[in-house]
Structure formats: C-alpha cells, structure tokens
Amino acid sequence: MHAFHMPWGLRMNAPMPTALLTAGSHNDPAISDGSKAVAILIGIAVLFVLYGVTALITGHWRLKDLLNGFDGFGSTSKVQWFLWLMVILFGYAAIWVLRAEQSDYSTLTDIPVNLLTVLGFSTGTAAAAKGITAGYVQTGKIAKTGVPANPTPATTGGIFQDDSGGPELAKIQMIGFTIIAIGIFLATVIHQIVAGDIKDSLPDIDSSLMVLMGISQGGYLGKKLVTFGTPVLYPPDPLSGPVGTAVTLNGSGLGAQKGNSQLMLNGAPIPTTDWSDAVIHFTVPTVDPATGVAWANLPKVVPLVASMTGQLSNAISFKVTA
C-alpha cells in the first residue's frame, strides 16, 4: 500500500488553522458606548468611595478640612497635591475598568515618567511647605495658634492670596499651570476612553508643561521661605472709634511675646494691653502719637504697623473719630 502524498502546491494553499491566524495579534472586539460610560462612572465612583472612607475614619466630612492648613485657610500646596491625586486615580481606575470589560485584568504596567514626576513634584512641594512651617515654629520665629477667633473676609488668605489677603503671584502661577496641565491630562484620558484605546498605560504629560510646573513650584517654595515669619496684620475690630476705644488687631507671625516688638499708630509706637502671635489689643490713645498733642481734624484715618525684631508688617488703616 502506497503512502498518499499531498501535492506541494495544494499543501501551500490549504487554509491555516485559526489559532495561527490570530497568534501575536490583538483584535479587540468593538467597545460599546455603554462600556465606556461605565468605565468613566466607576472611575468617578472610586474617588467618592475613597473620600467617604477617609471621612469615616477621620470624622471630617468637609472638603476644606482636607485642603486647609493649620491656620484654617486654604493651603495652595495641598490643593495642587489633591487635584493631581484625584485625576491620576480617576484615569487609572477608568482605563483599568475599560480593559477589564474586555477580559484583561492585568495592571497598567506602563506609567509615563513625567506622570510619576509630577506626582512627586506635588507631594514634595506639600512636604517642603510643611517643613518650612515646622522649622519656623520649632525655632520660635513664629507660633502657629490656629484659626483666628473672628476671621474677616480679608484674612481668609486662600490658595491665591497671601496672609494679608492680597493676591500672591507665586501661588497664582503655581495653581494656574497646575490647572492647565490637569485639564490637558484629563481631556486626554477621556479621549482615550471614548476612542476605546485600552493600551496598558496612562497619558503622558508634555515636557514643556513639566518645566513650567517645576519652575512655578520652586518659585512658590522660595517665596514661602523668604517671607515666612514676616508679621502680618489684618483689619482691626472695630474699624473706627473715638479716643478710649478698645481695639482687637488680629494677625500672624507677631511673636508669642511682645519683647522688643512695637505697635505703631500714625508712625509712632503706642502701648498695648495684650500681645500674642495672632492678636494684639490696644486702646486708642488720647493724643496723636505722631505729634504728642490732642487729635485734630477728626475723623482721621491713620496707619497701624507692627514691628517685630526689626521686621515691619503690612500697614492697615484705622479711623479715629470724634
């Protein structure tokens, strides 16, 4: 019995097994719009679950408790750290869910270096800002006493303002570039999901934005390092009054004890009834400190300035009335 041999040409034209046709390729099935929406919603849900667990453990449900510094005002470094953490967590969770819906449960193994760097930037900036504050407290240059008893709108500082309530360019620059970079990153993540791109990586951040953010965060820390400890005065309570009026003057960095510090009204020192790092009490004197004679031409607006170990605070106004 002769063995049967298939002609060579016929063997070449024979269909290959299906397994060989698909080996080495990645033909994903069409991803429905519903799957994409589910991925985005779960990504958002992860953030809410994390916030809820954090609030339950710490007992603080207000977002501002997470973003405020020790003085009770918004912390710029904490805000930019929080924003980056949220968008990166959202992007990772949403893209992973999109892959899981296609039966790929592996982790995202390709995390761009720039993305890791920016998270390190934000973490390092927040840690450095905290370290600067702690250093000044430990050396006695400032005494953090917490939130003022009666903060006014001008004392709320915030992520765009300095301690006196004025706009702070270093903070504005850092938050501005952070918002731009986060907006671009978030838009790219959403586009990747909508396009059905289930590659195992998060979007990268442009190197030019990395440089801009690095410079702005360096400027923020440098400004904080140079100006921290400078005495700051907030608007007095009351804003005006006649001779003998008891005035409360909130501030920061005034020194735990008066020592050689002085409070100057209309350019000359006046006595104080109480002095702490965050508040000064005084009584409107019977004479104009600048002239040593009775007040004239009332009502009269005069400046208040605190001097602490040679450092002058910002000037605020008080109106002496008849």
Protein backbone atom coordinates (compact mmCIF):
# COMPACT_ATOMS: atom_id res chain seq x y z
CA MET A 1 0.00 0.00 0.00
CA HIS A 2 1.48 3.30 -1.10
CA ALA A 3 1.51 6.30 1.21
CA PHE A 4 -0.56 9.20 -0.02
CA HIS A 5 1.44 12.41 -0.53
CA MET A 6 -0.41 15.72 -0.94
CA PRO A 7 0.94 17.77 -3.83
CA TRP A 8 3.14 20.65 -2.63
CA GLY A 9 1.05 23.33 -4.26
CA LEU A 10 -2.08 22.02 -2.68
CA ARG A 11 -0.47 21.94 0.70
CA MET A 12 0.64 25.58 0.35
CA ASN A 13 -2.87 26.71 -0.50
CA ALA A 14 -4.52 24.85 2.33
CA PRO A 15 -6.16 27.08 4.94
CA MET A 16 -4.09 27.62 8.08
CA PRO A 17 -5.59 26.85 11.49
CA THR A 18 -7.48 29.73 13.07
CA ALA A 19 -5.15 29.71 16.09
CA LEU A 20 -2.18 30.51 13.86
CA LEU A 21 -4.01 33.36 12.16
CA THR A 22 -4.68 35.11 15.48
CA ALA A 23 -1.40 34.35 17.19
CA GLY A 24 0.58 37.52 18.01
CA SER A 25 -2.27 39.90 17.12
CA HIS A 26 -4.70 41.75 19.43
CA ASN A 27 -8.04 42.09 17.68
CA ASP A 28 -10.24 43.67 20.37
CA PRO A 29 -13.98 43.46 19.87
CA ALA A 30 -15.82 46.71 19.36
CA ILE A 31 -16.23 48.53 22.67
CA SER A 32 -19.76 49.82 23.18
CA ASP A 33 -20.59 53.33 24.32
CA GLY A 34 -22.17 51.78 27.39
CA SER A 35 -18.88 50.17 28.39
CA LYS A 36 -17.08 53.48 28.00
CA ALA A 37 -19.68 55.27 30.13
CA VAL A 38 -19.42 52.56 32.80
CA ALA A 39 -15.62 52.97 32.89
CA ILE A 40 -15.93 56.74 33.42
CA LEU A 41 -18.64 56.37 36.08
CA ILE A 42 -16.65 53.75 38.00
CA GLY A 43 -13.59 55.99 37.83
CA ILE A 44 -15.63 58.78 39.45
CA ALA A 45 -17.17 56.35 41.95
CA VAL A 46 -13.70 55.31 43.12
CA LEU A 47 -13.00 58.92 44.12
CA PHE A 48 -16.25 59.19 46.08
CA VAL A 49 -15.65 55.87 47.84
CA LEU A 50 -12.12 56.93 48.79
CA TYR A 51 -13.40 60.27 50.10
CA GLY A 52 -16.17 58.55 52.06
CA VAL A 53 -13.78 56.07 53.67
CA THR A 54 -11.38 58.89 54.57
CA ALA A 55 -14.20 60.94 56.10
CA LEU A 56 -15.47 57.98 58.13
CA ILE A 57 -12.02 57.23 59.52
CA THR A 58 -11.06 60.84 60.29
CA GLY A 59 -14.51 62.19 61.18
CA HIS A 60 -14.04 65.19 58.86
CA TRP A 61 -16.64 65.36 56.09
CA ARG A 62 -15.97 68.87 54.83
CA LEU A 63 -13.60 69.09 51.87
CA LYS A 64 -11.99 72.23 53.27
CA ASP A 65 -10.79 70.24 56.29
CA LEU A 66 -8.68 68.24 53.87
CA LEU A 67 -7.34 71.26 51.99
CA ASN A 68 -6.82 73.77 54.80
CA GLY A 69 -3.53 74.38 56.54
CA PHE A 70 -3.09 74.60 60.30
CA ASP A 71 -4.20 78.22 60.30
CA GLY A 72 -7.58 77.19 58.88
CA PHE A 73 -7.01 78.81 55.49
CA GLY A 74 -6.71 77.11 52.12
CA SER A 75 -3.26 75.58 51.52
CA THR A 76 -2.02 76.09 47.95
CA SER A 77 0.37 73.13 48.11
CA LYS A 78 -2.35 70.85 49.48
CA VAL A 79 -4.82 71.90 46.78
CA GLN A 80 -2.47 71.16 43.86
CA TRP A 81 -1.45 67.86 45.50
CA PHE A 82 -5.11 66.90 45.94
CA LEU A 83 -6.03 67.78 42.34
CA TRP A 84 -3.22 65.70 40.85
CA LEU A 85 -4.01 62.74 43.09
CA MET A 86 -7.68 62.81 42.10
CA VAL A 87 -7.18 62.96 38.32
CA ILE A 88 -4.49 60.27 38.32
CA LEU A 89 -6.65 57.94 40.45
CA PHE A 90 -9.61 58.58 38.15
CA GLY A 91 -7.57 57.92 34.99
CA TYR A 92 -6.05 54.72 36.33
CA ALA A 93 -9.36 53.32 37.58
CA ALA A 94 -11.34 54.22 34.43
CA ILE A 95 -8.79 52.82 31.99
CA TRP A 96 -8.37 49.64 34.04
CA VAL A 97 -12.15 49.10 34.10
CA LEU A 98 -12.28 49.56 30.31
CA ARG A 99 -9.59 46.86 29.95
CA ALA A 100 -11.34 44.58 32.46
CA GLU A 101 -14.54 44.73 30.42
CA GLN A 102 -12.50 43.14 27.62
CA SER A 103 -11.31 40.38 30.00
CA ASP A 104 -7.88 41.94 30.55
CA TYR A 105 -7.47 42.19 34.33
CA SER A 106 -3.76 42.99 34.37
CA THR A 107 -2.48 46.20 35.95
CA LEU A 108 -1.35 49.20 33.92
CA THR A 109 2.35 48.49 33.61
CA ASP A 110 3.43 51.48 31.53
CA ILE A 111 3.18 54.62 33.71
CA PRO A 112 4.90 57.58 31.99
CA VAL A 113 7.92 59.01 33.79
CA ASN A 114 6.54 62.56 33.55
CA LEU A 115 3.35 61.48 35.29
CA LEU A 116 5.31 59.93 38.15
CA THR A 117 7.46 63.04 38.30
CA VAL A 118 4.53 65.46 38.56
CA LEU A 119 3.02 63.42 41.38
CA GLY A 120 6.41 63.55 43.07
CA PHE A 121 6.54 67.32 42.46
CA SER A 122 3.20 67.91 44.14
CA THR A 123 3.98 65.59 47.04
CA GLY A 124 7.41 67.13 47.55
CA THR A 125 6.07 70.68 47.40
CA ALA A 126 3.45 69.97 50.05
CA ALA A 127 6.02 68.25 52.27
CA ALA A 128 8.55 71.08 51.83
CA ALA A 129 5.93 73.73 52.62
CA LYS A 130 5.02 71.85 55.79
CA GLY A 131 8.70 71.53 56.66
CA ILE A 132 9.29 75.28 56.29
CA THR A 133 6.38 76.00 58.62
CA ALA A 134 7.53 73.42 61.18
CA GLY A 135 11.07 74.81 61.07
CA TYR A 136 9.94 78.33 61.88
CA VAL A 137 7.67 77.09 64.67
CA GLN A 138 10.42 74.99 66.27
CA THR A 139 12.93 77.84 66.18
CA GLY A 140 10.41 80.21 67.74
CA LYS A 141 10.29 82.60 64.79
CA ILE A 142 6.54 82.09 64.55
CA ALA A 143 3.93 80.50 66.79
CA LYS A 144 1.08 78.84 64.96
CA THR A 145 -2.01 79.31 67.09
CA GLY A 146 -4.63 78.01 64.68
CA VAL A 147 -7.64 79.74 63.17
CA PRO A 148 -8.31 83.34 64.26
CA ALA A 149 -11.33 83.67 66.51
CA ASN A 150 -13.13 86.12 64.21
CA PRO A 151 -11.62 85.88 60.73
CA THR A 152 -12.74 88.57 58.30
CA PRO A 153 -13.03 88.23 54.50
CA ALA A 154 -9.65 89.92 54.16
CA THR A 155 -7.99 87.41 56.50
CA THR A 156 -9.06 84.25 54.72
CA GLY A 157 -5.80 84.03 52.76
CA GLY A 158 -6.63 81.17 50.46
CA ILE A 159 -4.89 79.46 47.59
CA PHE A 160 -4.47 82.69 45.58
CA GLN A 161 -3.73 85.10 48.46
CA ASP A 162 -1.03 85.86 50.98
CA ASP A 163 -1.67 86.06 54.72
CA SER A 164 -2.78 89.69 54.48
CA GLY A 165 -5.48 88.85 51.92
CA GLY A 166 -3.69 90.34 48.91
CA PRO A 167 -3.09 88.40 45.68
CA GLU A 168 0.06 86.25 45.74
CA LEU A 169 1.68 85.87 42.29
CA ALA A 170 3.71 82.80 43.29
CA LYS A 171 0.52 80.96 44.28
CA ILE A 172 -1.40 82.16 41.22
CA GLN A 173 1.40 80.95 38.94
CA MET A 174 1.59 77.51 40.51
CA ILE A 175 -2.16 76.89 40.53
CA GLY A 176 -2.50 78.31 37.00
CA PHE A 177 -0.02 75.90 35.44
CA THR A 178 -1.44 73.07 37.54
CA ILE A 179 -4.95 73.68 36.20
CA ILE A 180 -3.70 73.80 32.60
CA ALA A 181 -1.71 70.56 32.95
CA ILE A 182 -4.53 68.76 34.75
CA GLY A 183 -7.07 69.92 32.16
CA ILE A 184 -4.96 68.59 29.29
CA PHE A 185 -4.26 65.30 31.09
CA LEU A 186 -7.94 64.77 31.96
CA ALA A 187 -9.05 65.58 28.41
CA THR A 188 -6.54 63.04 27.07
CA VAL A 189 -7.78 60.36 29.47
CA ILE A 190 -11.39 60.94 28.41
CA HIS A 191 -10.37 60.86 24.73
CA GLN A 192 -8.51 57.58 25.28
CA ILE A 193 -11.61 56.04 26.84
CA VAL A 194 -14.03 57.37 24.22
CA ALA A 195 -11.73 56.15 21.43
CA GLY A 196 -11.69 52.69 23.01
CA ASP A 197 -7.92 52.70 23.36
CA ILE A 198 -7.22 50.04 26.00
CA LYS A 199 -3.44 50.13 25.97
CA ASP A 200 -1.79 49.43 29.32
CA SER A 201 -0.66 52.99 30.06
CA LEU A 202 -1.88 56.39 31.20
CA PRO A 203 -1.39 59.50 29.04
CA ASP A 204 1.91 61.32 29.32
CA ILE A 205 2.44 64.98 30.25
CA ASP A 206 4.31 67.25 27.87
CA SER A 207 7.87 68.04 28.96
CA SER A 208 7.38 71.79 28.48
CA LEU A 209 4.49 71.76 30.97
CA MET A 210 6.68 69.80 33.37
CA VAL A 211 9.30 72.54 33.24
CA LEU A 212 6.72 75.28 33.76
CA MET A 213 5.21 73.48 36.75
CA GLY A 214 8.63 72.82 38.22
CA ILE A 215 9.60 76.48 37.97
CA SER A 216 6.30 77.64 39.47
CA GLN A 217 6.55 75.23 42.41
CA GLY A 218 10.15 76.29 43.02
CA GLY A 219 9.04 79.94 43.00
CA TYR A 220 6.24 79.17 45.44
CA LEU A 221 8.58 77.46 47.90
CA GLY A 222 11.22 80.18 47.51
CA LYS A 223 8.68 82.91 48.22
CA LYS A 224 7.39 80.99 51.21
CA LEU A 225 10.90 80.50 52.57
CA VAL A 226 11.78 84.19 52.22
CA THR A 227 8.58 85.73 53.55
CA PHE A 228 7.58 83.24 56.25
CA GLY A 229 7.85 84.82 59.66
CA THR A 230 7.13 88.35 58.45
CA PRO A 231 4.46 89.87 60.73
CA VAL A 232 1.06 90.33 59.11
CA LEU A 233 -1.82 92.48 60.34
CA TYR A 234 -5.49 92.00 59.46
CA PRO A 235 -8.18 94.71 59.54
CA PRO A 236 -8.89 95.90 63.12
CA ASP A 237 -12.08 95.25 65.04
CA PRO A 238 -13.71 97.76 65.11
CA LEU A 239 -12.54 99.61 62.03
CA SER A 240 -13.04 103.00 63.67
CA GLY A 241 -13.71 104.59 67.02
CA PRO A 242 -13.09 107.59 69.29
CA VAL A 243 -10.40 108.05 71.92
CA GLY A 244 -10.51 105.25 74.51
CA THR A 245 -11.92 102.61 72.14
CA ALA A 246 -10.63 99.09 72.82
CA VAL A 247 -9.39 97.62 69.54
CA THR A 248 -8.63 93.98 68.66
CA LEU A 249 -6.00 93.51 66.00
CA ASN A 250 -5.76 90.00 64.51
CA GLY A 251 -2.61 88.97 62.69
CA SER A 252 0.03 86.27 62.25
CA GLY A 253 3.76 85.97 62.90
CA LEU A 254 3.58 88.66 65.59
CA GLY A 255 5.62 86.72 68.13
CA ALA A 256 4.38 84.74 71.12
CA GLN A 257 5.54 87.54 73.43
CA LYS A 258 5.87 91.25 72.87
CA GLY A 259 9.52 91.59 73.89
CA ASN A 260 11.03 94.44 71.89
CA SER A 261 8.19 94.43 69.36
CA GLN A 262 6.12 97.56 68.90
CA LEU A 263 2.75 98.59 67.56
CA MET A 264 2.89 101.92 65.75
CA LEU A 265 -0.11 104.16 65.20
CA ASN A 266 0.32 107.04 62.76
CA GLY A 267 4.07 106.34 62.64
CA ALA A 268 4.78 106.33 66.41
CA PRO A 269 4.72 103.49 68.99
CA ILE A 270 1.73 103.14 71.33
CA PRO A 271 1.11 100.97 74.41
CA THR A 272 -0.68 97.63 74.03
CA THR A 273 -2.83 95.82 76.59
CA ASP A 274 -2.17 92.31 75.25
CA TRP A 275 0.21 90.75 72.72
CA SER A 276 0.35 87.25 71.22
CA ASP A 277 1.36 85.69 67.92
CA ALA A 278 -2.14 86.06 66.49
CA VAL A 279 -3.73 89.02 68.26
CA ILE A 280 -2.86 92.44 69.69
CA HIS A 281 -5.14 94.52 71.91
CA PHE A 282 -4.77 98.27 72.36
CA THR A 283 -6.74 101.32 73.31
CA VAL A 284 -6.97 104.40 71.08
CA PRO A 285 -4.71 106.93 72.85
CA THR A 286 -5.95 110.36 73.92
CA VAL A 287 -3.25 112.12 71.87
CA ASP A 288 -1.91 111.69 68.38
CA PRO A 289 1.31 109.63 68.84
CA ALA A 290 2.92 111.43 65.89
CA THR A 291 2.54 114.91 67.43
CA GLY A 292 2.05 114.26 71.14
CA VAL A 293 -0.98 116.59 71.25
CA ALA A 294 -4.72 116.03 71.15
CA TRP A 295 -6.19 114.63 67.96
CA ALA A 296 -7.16 117.31 65.42
CA ASN A 297 -9.19 117.37 62.23
CA LEU A 298 -11.26 114.32 63.20
CA PRO A 299 -12.33 111.95 61.77
CA LYS A 300 -8.85 110.95 60.70
CA VAL A 301 -7.58 107.77 59.02
CA VAL A 302 -4.17 106.70 60.36
CA PRO A 303 -1.94 103.68 59.62
CA LEU A 304 -1.27 100.79 62.00
CA VAL A 305 2.02 98.87 61.62
CA ALA A 306 3.58 96.16 63.81
CA SER A 307 7.35 95.96 64.19
CA MET A 308 8.79 92.61 65.30
CA THR A 309 12.59 92.34 65.75
CA GLY A 310 13.10 94.93 63.05
CA GLN A 311 10.60 93.44 60.58
CA LEU A 312 7.68 95.66 59.64
CA SER A 313 4.25 94.29 58.91
CA ASN A 314 1.88 95.49 56.26
CA ALA A 315 0.11 98.77 57.06
CA ILE A 316 -3.62 98.74 57.79
CA SER A 317 -5.95 101.66 58.39
CA PHE A 318 -7.87 102.76 61.48
CA LYS A 319 -10.21 105.75 61.58
CA VAL A 320 -10.10 107.88 64.73
CA THR A 321 -13.50 109.55 65.16
CA ALA A 322 -14.61 112.47 67.28
